[in-house]
Amino acid sequence: MAMLEAAVLMTTEQLEALPDDGIDRELINGRLRERRRIPRNYRHSRSQTRFVRHLENWRTAQPKSNGEVLSGGTGFVLRRDPDTTVGIDVAYISPETAAANDDSVGLINGVPILVIEILSPSDSQEDVLEKVQVYLDCGVALVWVAEPIFRAVTVYRPGAEPELFNAQQSLDGGSHLPGFRVKVADCF
């Protein structure tokens, strides 16, 4: 009878102890995912900047403190035991999550309300869809997958069918980002 070897799960602390050697690493349910670090291209960077600008404009126009917008592959610990620790292109976090993480933390502990993943030529469909499922499973309310080449955004919500928005349409934040609305074309 063949014996199956138990998978060794890694913690966030073990992940952080790995060398910075040009490899992007994340944990998905305690399992290490690695890929060669590839510099972001012009389209990716421009789209990230535009999403952040529109979210920040919305956030600062709110009548009270309304969370934080983070970008640049910010590291998030979404879940513990087994750990899920990922880098996110653009995220919007609640005021409570922002207050629970001071400026000195290396990783944000908590689940964003909105995650925006901006596709790069090196992203595989399998990897992107796995991350979308992980985000939803961890409690992210809105996941936007932005495709800069085709100027389109696919919106994922828990328990709902994905929706595709093209450059002629607008995105809105629904009840999670009340009053947020932007033309898809303005994000690319």
Protein backbone atom coordinates (compact mmCIF):
# COMPACT_ATOMS: atom_id res chain seq x y z
CA MET A 1 0.00 0.00 0.00
CA ALA A 2 1.46 3.38 -1.04
CA MET A 3 1.77 5.96 1.68
CA LEU A 4 0.86 9.52 0.87
CA GLU A 5 3.22 12.11 2.22
CA ALA A 6 1.45 14.86 4.14
CA ALA A 7 1.85 18.26 2.51
CA VAL A 8 4.04 20.56 4.56
CA LEU A 9 2.19 23.79 5.18
CA MET A 10 4.06 27.04 5.61
CA THR A 11 3.21 29.95 7.89
CA THR A 12 3.36 33.63 7.07
CA GLU A 13 6.34 33.98 9.40
CA GLN A 14 8.21 31.28 7.47
CA LEU A 15 7.30 33.02 4.22
CA GLU A 16 8.68 36.32 5.50
CA ALA A 17 11.95 34.62 6.50
CA LEU A 18 12.67 33.54 2.91
CA PRO A 19 15.32 35.58 1.05
CA ASP A 20 14.44 38.45 -1.26
CA ASP A 21 15.94 36.81 -4.32
CA GLY A 22 13.82 38.00 -7.23
CA ILE A 23 11.10 35.43 -6.69
CA ASP A 24 7.52 36.49 -5.91
CA ARG A 25 6.09 34.27 -3.22
CA GLU A 26 2.62 33.90 -1.77
CA LEU A 27 0.85 31.42 0.45
CA ILE A 28 -2.46 29.95 -0.63
CA ASN A 29 -3.96 27.88 2.18
CA GLY A 30 -0.48 27.32 3.60
CA ARG A 31 1.01 26.18 0.30
CA LEU A 32 3.88 28.16 -1.18
CA ARG A 33 3.40 29.62 -4.67
CA GLU A 34 6.48 30.98 -6.41
CA ARG A 35 7.14 32.69 -9.71
CA ARG A 36 9.93 34.76 -11.15
CA ARG A 37 9.47 38.47 -10.43
CA ILE A 38 8.66 40.31 -13.63
CA PRO A 39 8.74 44.12 -13.78
CA ARG A 40 5.31 45.62 -14.33
CA ASN A 41 4.77 47.00 -17.79
CA TYR A 42 3.53 50.44 -18.76
CA ARG A 43 -0.12 49.40 -19.15
CA HIS A 44 -0.15 47.70 -15.77
CA SER A 45 1.42 50.64 -13.96
CA ARG A 46 -0.81 53.20 -15.66
CA SER A 47 -3.95 51.21 -14.85
CA GLN A 48 -2.90 50.79 -11.24
CA THR A 49 -2.31 54.53 -10.91
CA ARG A 50 -5.69 55.36 -12.43
CA PHE A 51 -7.64 52.93 -10.26
CA VAL A 52 -5.92 54.34 -7.18
CA ARG A 53 -6.63 57.93 -8.24
CA HIS A 54 -10.36 57.26 -8.74
CA LEU A 55 -10.65 55.36 -5.46
CA GLU A 56 -8.75 58.05 -3.54
CA ASN A 57 -10.92 60.79 -5.05
CA TRP A 58 -14.01 58.88 -3.91
CA ARG A 59 -12.56 58.11 -0.47
CA THR A 60 -11.54 61.67 0.33
CA ALA A 61 -14.94 62.99 -0.77
CA GLN A 62 -16.70 60.86 1.84
CA PRO A 63 -18.18 62.73 4.81
CA LYS A 64 -16.29 60.66 7.41
CA SER A 65 -13.17 58.54 7.66
CA ASN A 66 -13.57 55.88 5.06
CA GLY A 67 -10.74 53.38 5.12
CA GLU A 68 -7.59 53.34 3.03
CA VAL A 69 -6.59 52.67 -0.57
CA LEU A 70 -3.38 50.63 -0.89
CA SER A 71 -1.40 49.67 -3.97
CA GLY A 72 1.86 48.34 -5.31
CA GLY A 73 1.49 44.69 -4.39
CA THR A 74 0.75 45.36 -0.72
CA GLY A 75 1.06 42.15 1.30
CA PHE A 76 -2.06 40.91 3.08
CA VAL A 77 -2.53 38.09 5.56
CA LEU A 78 -6.08 37.12 4.61
CA ARG A 79 -6.39 34.02 6.75
CA ARG A 80 -4.50 32.01 9.38
CA ASP A 81 -4.18 28.26 9.95
CA PRO A 82 -3.56 27.52 7.17
CA ASP A 83 -2.16 30.91 6.21
CA THR A 84 -3.12 32.75 3.06
CA THR A 85 -0.72 35.64 2.44
CA VAL A 86 -0.78 37.42 -0.91
CA GLY A 87 0.31 40.61 -2.65
CA ILE A 88 -2.53 42.72 -4.06
CA ASP A 89 -2.21 45.30 -6.86
CA VAL A 90 -4.88 47.65 -5.47
CA ALA A 91 -7.00 47.22 -2.34
CA TYR A 92 -9.52 49.23 -0.39
CA ILE A 93 -9.69 48.42 3.33
CA SER A 94 -12.28 49.45 5.91
CA PRO A 95 -11.55 52.05 8.59
CA GLU A 96 -11.53 49.21 11.15
CA THR A 97 -8.89 47.23 9.24
CA ALA A 98 -6.84 50.39 8.75
CA ALA A 99 -7.00 51.19 12.48
CA ALA A 100 -5.96 47.63 13.40
CA ASN A 101 -2.74 47.92 11.31
CA ASP A 102 -0.33 50.71 12.15
CA ASP A 103 2.12 52.19 9.67
CA SER A 104 4.99 50.03 10.89
CA VAL A 105 3.48 46.66 9.89
CA GLY A 106 5.01 44.85 6.95
CA LEU A 107 1.84 42.94 6.11
CA ILE A 108 -1.75 44.03 6.52
CA ASN A 109 -3.74 41.65 8.71
CA GLY A 110 -7.30 41.58 7.47
CA VAL A 111 -9.50 41.20 4.46
CA PRO A 112 -9.99 44.10 2.03
CA ILE A 113 -13.45 45.17 0.93
CA LEU A 114 -12.23 45.57 -2.66
CA VAL A 115 -9.36 43.83 -4.43
CA ILE A 116 -8.23 44.87 -7.91
CA GLU A 117 -5.93 42.52 -9.77
CA ILE A 118 -4.47 44.03 -12.93
CA LEU A 119 -3.48 41.39 -15.44
CA SER A 120 0.06 41.20 -16.76
CA PRO A 121 1.23 39.21 -19.78
CA SER A 122 2.84 36.69 -17.40
CA ASP A 123 -0.42 35.91 -15.54
CA SER A 124 -2.05 32.59 -16.30
CA GLN A 125 -5.81 32.21 -16.27
CA GLU A 126 -5.49 29.35 -13.79
CA ASP A 127 -3.49 31.46 -11.32
CA VAL A 128 -5.82 34.46 -11.61
CA LEU A 129 -8.96 32.40 -11.12
CA GLU A 130 -7.39 30.62 -8.14
CA LYS A 131 -6.66 33.97 -6.51
CA VAL A 132 -10.17 35.25 -7.23
CA GLN A 133 -11.62 32.16 -5.54
CA VAL A 134 -9.26 32.59 -2.58
CA TYR A 135 -10.28 36.24 -2.19
CA LEU A 136 -13.97 35.36 -2.22
CA ASP A 137 -13.45 32.43 0.17
CA CYS A 138 -11.60 34.75 2.58
CA GLY A 139 -14.45 37.27 2.61
CA VAL A 140 -13.51 39.93 0.04
CA ALA A 141 -16.78 41.59 -1.02
CA LEU A 142 -15.66 42.80 -4.48
CA VAL A 143 -12.92 41.50 -6.75
CA TRP A 144 -12.17 43.37 -9.97
CA VAL A 145 -9.88 41.72 -12.50
CA ALA A 146 -8.71 44.41 -14.90
CA GLU A 147 -7.50 43.57 -18.42
CA PRO A 148 -5.52 46.58 -19.72
CA ILE A 149 -5.06 45.29 -23.28
CA PHE A 150 -8.81 44.85 -23.88
CA ARG A 151 -9.79 47.67 -21.51
CA ALA A 152 -12.26 45.49 -19.63
CA VAL A 153 -12.96 44.58 -16.00
CA THR A 154 -14.55 41.40 -14.70
CA VAL A 155 -16.35 41.86 -11.38
CA TYR A 156 -16.66 38.97 -8.93
CA ARG A 157 -18.88 38.95 -5.85
CA PRO A 158 -19.60 36.14 -3.39
CA GLY A 159 -22.55 34.04 -4.53
CA ALA A 160 -23.01 35.90 -7.82
CA GLU A 161 -22.11 35.28 -11.44
CA PRO A 162 -19.10 37.22 -12.76
CA GLU A 163 -19.91 40.36 -14.74
CA LEU A 164 -17.80 41.75 -17.58
CA PHE A 165 -17.64 45.53 -18.09
CA ASN A 166 -16.14 47.01 -21.25
CA ALA A 167 -14.69 50.47 -21.92
CA GLN A 168 -18.12 51.95 -22.74
CA GLN A 169 -19.58 50.92 -19.38
CA SER A 170 -19.10 52.11 -15.81
CA LEU A 171 -18.14 50.33 -12.61
CA ASP A 172 -19.78 51.14 -9.32
CA GLY A 173 -19.00 50.11 -5.78
CA GLY A 174 -22.55 49.16 -4.84
CA SER A 175 -23.26 49.09 -1.12
CA HIS A 176 -19.60 48.41 -0.30
CA LEU A 177 -18.31 51.67 -1.82
CA PRO A 178 -21.43 53.86 -1.81
CA GLY A 179 -21.35 56.56 -4.46
CA PHE A 180 -18.25 55.22 -6.20
CA ARG A 181 -18.66 55.20 -9.98
CA VAL A 182 -16.07 55.31 -12.76
CA LYS A 183 -16.07 54.71 -16.50
CA VAL A 184 -14.02 51.63 -17.31
CA ALA A 185 -12.25 53.58 -20.07
CA ASP A 186 -10.98 56.06 -17.47
CA CYS A 187 -9.12 53.24 -15.66
CA PHE A 188 -6.91 52.42 -18.60
